[in-house]
Amino acid sequence: MHPKVLQLISSFHQGGSERQAVQLTRLLKETQQYQVDLACLDKSGALLDEVAQLGLAEVPEYPLTGFYDRNALVQVRRFALHLQRRCIDVIQTHDFYSNIFGMAAARLAGVRVRIAARRETIGWRTPAQKIVERQAYRFAHTVVANSEAVRQQLIVEGVADRKIVTIHNGINLDRLALPAGFKRTAALASFGLPTAPHLRFVTIIANLRHPVKDHATFLRAARQVHAMFPAARFIIAGEGELTGAMRQLAAQLGINDRVFFIGRAERVAELLGATDVGVLSSKAEGFSNSILEYMAAACPVVVTDVGGAREAVIDGESGYIVPAGDDKQMAARIITLLENTEQARCLGERGRVIAEQRFSCAAQLAATRSLYDRLLAANAPRLARRINSGQREVA
């Protein structure tokens, strides 16, 4: 009998947590070693199309209006009954909201293996939210951190070292492969970008929903880069309510005709294939998916020294790391890469090798399976013995 594993995701919008959760669901299903279920708090978002192709059972939704009202209790009970009916052996949650909701329901349902997650070093939480988050971690058997930096932050917050496991994000290298017959000019045109051959493009892929991504620093650096390197153009790929404010800032800086807001990046491989430098300007991160995408596309990077950036980027060998909020150093490093194309190419190639060796989907899956095996053996020994002996039973 294969273990029954359920992944709980907050929504299907294209954030880092959501994409990683959907990717892990696909990887687990492809092994054919698990019976995989998926559930959510909000059944909306672009990733639903990808989920539909996985051939899973119906994805139930448990909409919340808050954690402190009657509806929350009703939804927790509904989900607990679903976990019991489906005889779920392992539940894994992926962010703040799914942690709290999922761990409470799984504890109520008696799920034998409960895995929570932490994906940021700095939590933007109210005191009340911090209390319920700590309780969720208590209900979990393990908390997965997506970087060593996040793991250390959890320890500072009082989570026992033995309870934390670091599993880095995985990057789907196939998703970053350029399509056959790729042409840079055609790709640029398809994104509504200028195609003059002398132009060089600096790209940031980050949502515009939260100031933590600090697009303002990116734009201030862009102004300095353009002053020294007039052929530079700047691409902001992402969507959110801060788009208008960043457009206004670009205009105030006098570079609005050099900055292109292209919205959500649907074709990341083609975008990065036309990019000369990839940038991350965040004030805080856990472990950035954008960095891995840049690296997998052999795109040299300039990233801020936050979260797990140093676990992915070797400063001076596969890209450059600069202090958060330091637009001057960011601009200087971008200019270095634009002016030294051979150096930029070497750094990009080194980054791709690191992505392939350390942050592949295969590495993520292997670490996750090892965690499941260990926790099943510790928390459900009879089930683990049946699985290991190859016996097949009807659930």
Foldseek 3Di string as FASTA:
>chain_A
DAAEEEEEEAECAPDPLNVLSLLLQLVVVVVVRYQYHYEYQYYDYPCVVVVVVSPHDDHYHQHDPDCPDPSLVVSLCVVLVVCLVVVHQEYEYGDLVCLLSVLSSCVVNVRLAYEYEDWWLDDPDDPVSLVSSVVSLVSHQAYEFQAVSNLVSVVVVPRDNVRYDHFHAFDALVLQDDDPPQDLQVLCVVLVHDRPPLAAEEEEEDAQADCQQVVVLVLVLVLVLCVVPVSYAYEYEYYHDCPVVVCVSNVVSVNNVRYYYRYHDPRLNSVLVNHQEYEGQGPITAHDPSLLSQLSSLHAYEYEPYHRPVVQADDQQQHHYDHHPPSPVSNVRVNVSVVDVVSRNRSSPVSSVSSVPPRHPVSSNVVVVVVVLVSCCVRPVVVSVCSVVVHDDDD
